[in-house]
Amino acid sequence: MTDEQERHLARAQAAFRVAADAKYRAGVREHGGNLWEHSPAWLLEQVMEECIDQWMYAFTALEKLREGGDMAHRMVDAEMAVLGEQDQCKEMALERGMA
């Protein structure tokens, strides 16, 4: 790796250590107990919730970066259609009486 890449990696690692330490300590204060004492199912549920949060943050950031929110919506709609997710979402909404 180049010196510039090494410095970039070192900055990223240092920032992660600081952020992980703060996040872990905040979680202990907020939730108490030991993380390793939770069931695997509970841990996976937490991961899934965090994934949703990450998607929402990324979507919102992308929307803000694009000129005009309508363009971001069209782009996301097109990507969802390609994946077939849009029809699946509509079916779920109809089944739940949401559409």
N, C-alpha and C. Protein backbone atom coordinates (compact mmCIF):
# COMPACT_ATOMS: atom_id res chain seq x y z
N MET A 1 0.85 -1.19 0.00
CA MET A 1 0.00 0.00 0.00
C MET A 1 0.89 1.24 0.00
N THR A 2 0.33 2.32 -0.50
CA THR A 2 1.07 3.57 -0.53
C THR A 2 1.05 4.21 0.86
N ASP A 3 1.92 5.17 1.09
CA ASP A 3 1.94 5.89 2.36
C ASP A 3 0.60 6.59 2.60
N GLU A 4 0.04 7.14 1.53
CA GLU A 4 -1.25 7.82 1.64
C GLU A 4 -2.35 6.83 2.05
N GLN A 5 -2.33 5.63 1.48
CA GLN A 5 -3.31 4.60 1.85
C GLN A 5 -3.12 4.16 3.29
N GLU A 6 -1.87 4.03 3.72
CA GLU A 6 -1.58 3.65 5.11
C GLU A 6 -2.12 4.70 6.08
N ARG A 7 -1.92 5.97 5.75
CA ARG A 7 -2.42 7.04 6.62
C ARG A 7 -3.95 7.05 6.65
N HIS A 8 -4.55 6.82 5.48
CA HIS A 8 -6.02 6.78 5.42
C HIS A 8 -6.55 5.64 6.28
N LEU A 9 -5.94 4.46 6.16
CA LEU A 9 -6.34 3.31 6.96
C LEU A 9 -6.17 3.59 8.45
N ALA A 10 -5.06 4.19 8.83
CA ALA A 10 -4.82 4.50 10.24
C ALA A 10 -5.86 5.47 10.79
N ARG A 11 -6.23 6.48 9.99
CA ARG A 11 -7.27 7.43 10.42
C ARG A 11 -8.61 6.72 10.59
N ALA A 12 -8.95 5.85 9.64
CA ALA A 12 -10.22 5.12 9.71
C ALA A 12 -10.25 4.20 10.93
N GLN A 13 -9.14 3.50 11.19
CA GLN A 13 -9.08 2.61 12.35
C GLN A 13 -9.17 3.38 13.65
N ALA A 14 -8.47 4.50 13.75
CA ALA A 14 -8.52 5.31 14.96
C ALA A 14 -9.92 5.85 15.21
N ALA A 15 -10.57 6.34 14.15
CA ALA A 15 -11.93 6.85 14.29
C ALA A 15 -12.89 5.74 14.71
N PHE A 16 -12.71 4.53 14.16
CA PHE A 16 -13.56 3.40 14.52
C PHE A 16 -13.39 3.05 16.00
N ARG A 17 -12.13 3.00 16.45
CA ARG A 17 -11.88 2.66 17.87
C ARG A 17 -12.59 3.64 18.80
N VAL A 18 -12.50 4.92 18.51
CA VAL A 18 -13.14 5.94 19.35
C VAL A 18 -14.66 5.78 19.30
N ALA A 19 -15.21 5.64 18.08
CA ALA A 19 -16.67 5.52 17.92
C ALA A 19 -17.20 4.23 18.54
N ALA A 20 -16.49 3.11 18.36
CA ALA A 20 -16.94 1.83 18.91
C ALA A 20 -16.92 1.86 20.44
N ASP A 21 -15.90 2.45 21.01
CA ASP A 21 -15.81 2.56 22.46
C ASP A 21 -16.98 3.36 23.02
N ALA A 22 -17.24 4.53 22.42
CA ALA A 22 -18.34 5.38 22.88
C ALA A 22 -19.69 4.70 22.71
N LYS A 23 -19.90 4.05 21.57
CA LYS A 23 -21.18 3.38 21.28
C LYS A 23 -21.42 2.23 22.25
N TYR A 24 -20.39 1.43 22.50
CA TYR A 24 -20.52 0.28 23.40
C TYR A 24 -20.86 0.76 24.81
N ARG A 25 -20.14 1.75 25.29
CA ARG A 25 -20.38 2.27 26.65
C ARG A 25 -21.78 2.88 26.77
N ALA A 26 -22.23 3.58 25.74
CA ALA A 26 -23.58 4.15 25.75
C ALA A 26 -24.63 3.03 25.79
N GLY A 27 -24.38 1.96 25.04
CA GLY A 27 -25.31 0.82 25.04
C GLY A 27 -25.39 0.16 26.40
N VAL A 28 -24.27 0.03 27.07
CA VAL A 28 -24.27 -0.56 28.42
C VAL A 28 -25.06 0.33 29.37
N ARG A 29 -24.85 1.65 29.28
CA ARG A 29 -25.61 2.56 30.15
C ARG A 29 -27.10 2.50 29.85
N GLU A 30 -27.45 2.45 28.57
CA GLU A 30 -28.86 2.47 28.17
C GLU A 30 -29.57 1.15 28.45
N HIS A 31 -28.92 0.03 28.13
CA HIS A 31 -29.59 -1.27 28.20
C HIS A 31 -29.18 -2.11 29.39
N GLY A 32 -27.99 -1.87 29.94
CA GLY A 32 -27.50 -2.67 31.06
C GLY A 32 -27.19 -4.10 30.63
N GLY A 33 -26.71 -4.90 31.54
CA GLY A 33 -26.43 -6.29 31.26
C GLY A 33 -25.24 -6.48 30.34
N ASN A 34 -25.03 -7.73 29.97
CA ASN A 34 -23.92 -8.10 29.11
C ASN A 34 -24.44 -8.51 27.74
N LEU A 35 -23.85 -7.97 26.72
CA LEU A 35 -24.27 -8.24 25.36
C LEU A 35 -24.25 -9.74 25.06
N TRP A 36 -23.22 -10.43 25.52
CA TRP A 36 -23.06 -11.84 25.21
C TRP A 36 -24.06 -12.73 25.94
N GLU A 37 -24.86 -12.17 26.83
CA GLU A 37 -25.87 -12.96 27.53
C GLU A 37 -27.21 -12.99 26.78
N HIS A 38 -27.34 -12.19 25.73
CA HIS A 38 -28.57 -12.19 24.94
C HIS A 38 -28.58 -13.39 24.00
N SER A 39 -29.78 -13.79 23.60
CA SER A 39 -29.92 -14.92 22.68
C SER A 39 -29.46 -14.53 21.28
N PRO A 40 -29.03 -15.52 20.50
CA PRO A 40 -28.68 -15.22 19.11
C PRO A 40 -29.84 -14.59 18.34
N ALA A 41 -31.07 -15.03 18.61
CA ALA A 41 -32.23 -14.46 17.91
C ALA A 41 -32.37 -12.98 18.23
N TRP A 42 -32.23 -12.60 19.49
CA TRP A 42 -32.32 -11.19 19.89
C TRP A 42 -31.22 -10.38 19.22
N LEU A 43 -30.02 -10.92 19.22
CA LEU A 43 -28.89 -10.22 18.59
C LEU A 43 -29.15 -10.00 17.10
N LEU A 44 -29.67 -11.02 16.41
CA LEU A 44 -29.97 -10.87 14.98
C LEU A 44 -31.10 -9.87 14.74
N GLU A 45 -32.08 -9.83 15.64
CA GLU A 45 -33.14 -8.82 15.52
C GLU A 45 -32.56 -7.42 15.61
N GLN A 46 -31.60 -7.23 16.50
CA GLN A 46 -30.95 -5.92 16.63
C GLN A 46 -30.18 -5.56 15.36
N VAL A 47 -29.51 -6.55 14.77
CA VAL A 47 -28.78 -6.32 13.52
C VAL A 47 -29.75 -5.89 12.43
N MET A 48 -30.90 -6.56 12.35
CA MET A 48 -31.88 -6.23 11.32
C MET A 48 -32.41 -4.81 11.51
N GLU A 49 -32.67 -4.42 12.75
CA GLU A 49 -33.13 -3.06 13.02
C GLU A 49 -32.07 -2.04 12.63
N GLU A 50 -30.81 -2.34 12.93
CA GLU A 50 -29.72 -1.44 12.56
C GLU A 50 -29.60 -1.33 11.03
N CYS A 51 -29.84 -2.43 10.32
CA CYS A 51 -29.80 -2.40 8.85
C CYS A 51 -30.85 -1.44 8.30
N ILE A 52 -32.02 -1.48 8.89
CA ILE A 52 -33.09 -0.58 8.45
C ILE A 52 -32.68 0.86 8.71
N ASP A 53 -32.12 1.13 9.89
CA ASP A 53 -31.64 2.48 10.20
C ASP A 53 -30.61 2.93 9.18
N GLN A 54 -29.65 2.06 8.87
CA GLN A 54 -28.61 2.42 7.91
C GLN A 54 -29.19 2.72 6.55
N TRP A 55 -30.15 1.91 6.10
CA TRP A 55 -30.77 2.14 4.80
C TRP A 55 -31.46 3.51 4.79
N MET A 56 -32.18 3.81 5.85
CA MET A 56 -32.89 5.09 5.92
C MET A 56 -31.91 6.26 5.90
N TYR A 57 -30.81 6.15 6.64
CA TYR A 57 -29.80 7.21 6.64
C TYR A 57 -29.19 7.37 5.25
N ALA A 58 -28.85 6.25 4.61
CA ALA A 58 -28.24 6.30 3.28
C ALA A 58 -29.22 6.87 2.25
N PHE A 59 -30.46 6.43 2.30
CA PHE A 59 -31.47 6.94 1.38
C PHE A 59 -31.64 8.44 1.54
N THR A 60 -31.73 8.89 2.78
CA THR A 60 -31.92 10.32 3.06
C THR A 60 -30.72 11.13 2.60
N ALA A 61 -29.51 10.63 2.85
CA ALA A 61 -28.31 11.33 2.40
C ALA A 61 -28.27 11.42 0.88
N LEU A 62 -28.60 10.33 0.20
CA LEU A 62 -28.63 10.34 -1.25
C LEU A 62 -29.66 11.34 -1.76
N GLU A 63 -30.81 11.34 -1.14
CA GLU A 63 -31.88 12.25 -1.52
C GLU A 63 -31.41 13.71 -1.38
N LYS A 64 -30.70 13.99 -0.29
CA LYS A 64 -30.23 15.35 -0.06
C LYS A 64 -29.11 15.74 -1.03
N LEU A 65 -28.32 14.77 -1.47
CA LEU A 65 -27.23 15.05 -2.40
C LEU A 65 -27.72 15.31 -3.82
N ARG A 66 -28.82 14.72 -4.17
CA ARG A 66 -29.37 14.90 -5.51
C ARG A 66 -30.05 16.26 -5.61
N GLU A 67 -30.00 16.84 -6.78
CA GLU A 67 -30.73 18.09 -6.99
C GLU A 67 -32.19 17.75 -7.21
N GLY A 68 -33.01 18.17 -6.30
CA GLY A 68 -34.44 17.89 -6.37
C GLY A 68 -34.74 16.50 -5.86
N GLY A 69 -35.54 16.39 -4.83
CA GLY A 69 -35.90 15.11 -4.25
C GLY A 69 -36.61 14.18 -5.20
N ASP A 70 -37.33 14.73 -6.21
CA ASP A 70 -38.08 13.90 -7.14
C ASP A 70 -37.16 13.00 -7.94
N MET A 71 -35.98 13.48 -8.27
CA MET A 71 -35.02 12.68 -9.04
C MET A 71 -34.59 11.46 -8.24
N ALA A 72 -34.34 11.64 -6.95
CA ALA A 72 -33.94 10.51 -6.10
C ALA A 72 -35.06 9.49 -6.00
N HIS A 73 -36.29 9.97 -5.87
CA HIS A 73 -37.43 9.04 -5.80
C HIS A 73 -37.55 8.22 -7.08
N ARG A 74 -37.40 8.86 -8.23
CA ARG A 74 -37.49 8.14 -9.51
C ARG A 74 -36.38 7.11 -9.61
N MET A 75 -35.18 7.46 -9.17
CA MET A 75 -34.06 6.54 -9.24
C MET A 75 -34.31 5.32 -8.36
N VAL A 76 -34.76 5.54 -7.13
CA VAL A 76 -35.04 4.44 -6.22
C VAL A 76 -36.17 3.58 -6.76
N ASP A 77 -37.22 4.20 -7.30
CA ASP A 77 -38.34 3.45 -7.88
C ASP A 77 -37.86 2.56 -9.02
N ALA A 78 -36.98 3.08 -9.86
CA ALA A 78 -36.45 2.30 -10.98
C ALA A 78 -35.63 1.13 -10.49
N GLU A 79 -34.80 1.36 -9.49
CA GLU A 79 -33.98 0.27 -8.95
C GLU A 79 -34.86 -0.81 -8.31
N MET A 80 -35.89 -0.39 -7.58
CA MET A 80 -36.79 -1.36 -6.95
C MET A 80 -37.53 -2.18 -8.00
N ALA A 81 -37.93 -1.54 -9.09
CA ALA A 81 -38.63 -2.25 -10.15
C ALA A 81 -37.73 -3.31 -10.77
N VAL A 82 -36.47 -2.97 -10.97
CA VAL A 82 -35.51 -3.92 -11.53
C VAL A 82 -35.39 -5.14 -10.63
N LEU A 83 -35.39 -4.92 -9.35
CA LEU A 83 -35.26 -6.03 -8.41
C LEU A 83 -36.57 -6.77 -8.16
N GLY A 84 -37.66 -6.23 -8.69
CA GLY A 84 -38.95 -6.87 -8.48
C GLY A 84 -39.55 -6.59 -7.12
N GLU A 85 -38.94 -5.71 -6.39
CA GLU A 85 -39.41 -5.43 -5.04
C GLU A 85 -40.68 -4.58 -5.03
N GLN A 86 -40.83 -3.75 -6.02
CA GLN A 86 -41.97 -2.84 -6.03
C GLN A 86 -43.28 -3.61 -6.06
N ASP A 87 -43.37 -4.60 -6.94
CA ASP A 87 -44.60 -5.39 -7.02
C ASP A 87 -44.84 -6.15 -5.73
N GLN A 88 -43.79 -6.66 -5.16
CA GLN A 88 -43.91 -7.40 -3.90
C GLN A 88 -44.42 -6.48 -2.80
N CYS A 89 -43.91 -5.25 -2.75
CA CYS A 89 -44.35 -4.30 -1.74
C CYS A 89 -45.82 -3.93 -1.93
N LYS A 90 -46.23 -3.76 -3.19
CA LYS A 90 -47.63 -3.44 -3.46
C LYS A 90 -48.54 -4.57 -3.02
N GLU A 91 -48.13 -5.81 -3.31
CA GLU A 91 -48.93 -6.97 -2.89
C GLU A 91 -49.06 -7.02 -1.38
N MET A 92 -47.96 -6.76 -0.68
CA MET A 92 -48.00 -6.77 0.78
C MET A 92 -48.92 -5.67 1.30
N ALA A 93 -48.86 -4.49 0.68
CA ALA A 93 -49.72 -3.39 1.11
C ALA A 93 -51.18 -3.73 0.90
N LEU A 94 -51.50 -4.34 -0.25
CA LEU A 94 -52.88 -4.74 -0.52
C LEU A 94 -53.36 -5.77 0.49
N GLU A 95 -52.49 -6.74 0.79
CA GLU A 95 -52.86 -7.77 1.76
C GLU A 95 -53.13 -7.17 3.14
N ARG A 96 -52.42 -6.12 3.45
CA ARG A 96 -52.57 -5.49 4.77
C ARG A 96 -53.59 -4.36 4.76
N GLY A 97 -54.23 -4.14 3.61
CA GLY A 97 -55.24 -3.09 3.50
C GLY A 97 -54.65 -1.69 3.54
N MET A 98 -53.40 -1.56 3.11
CA MET A 98 -52.72 -0.27 3.17
C MET A 98 -52.75 0.46 1.83
N ALA A 99 -53.26 -0.17 0.80
CA ALA A 99 -53.26 0.50 -0.52
C ALA A 99 -54.67 0.68 -1.02
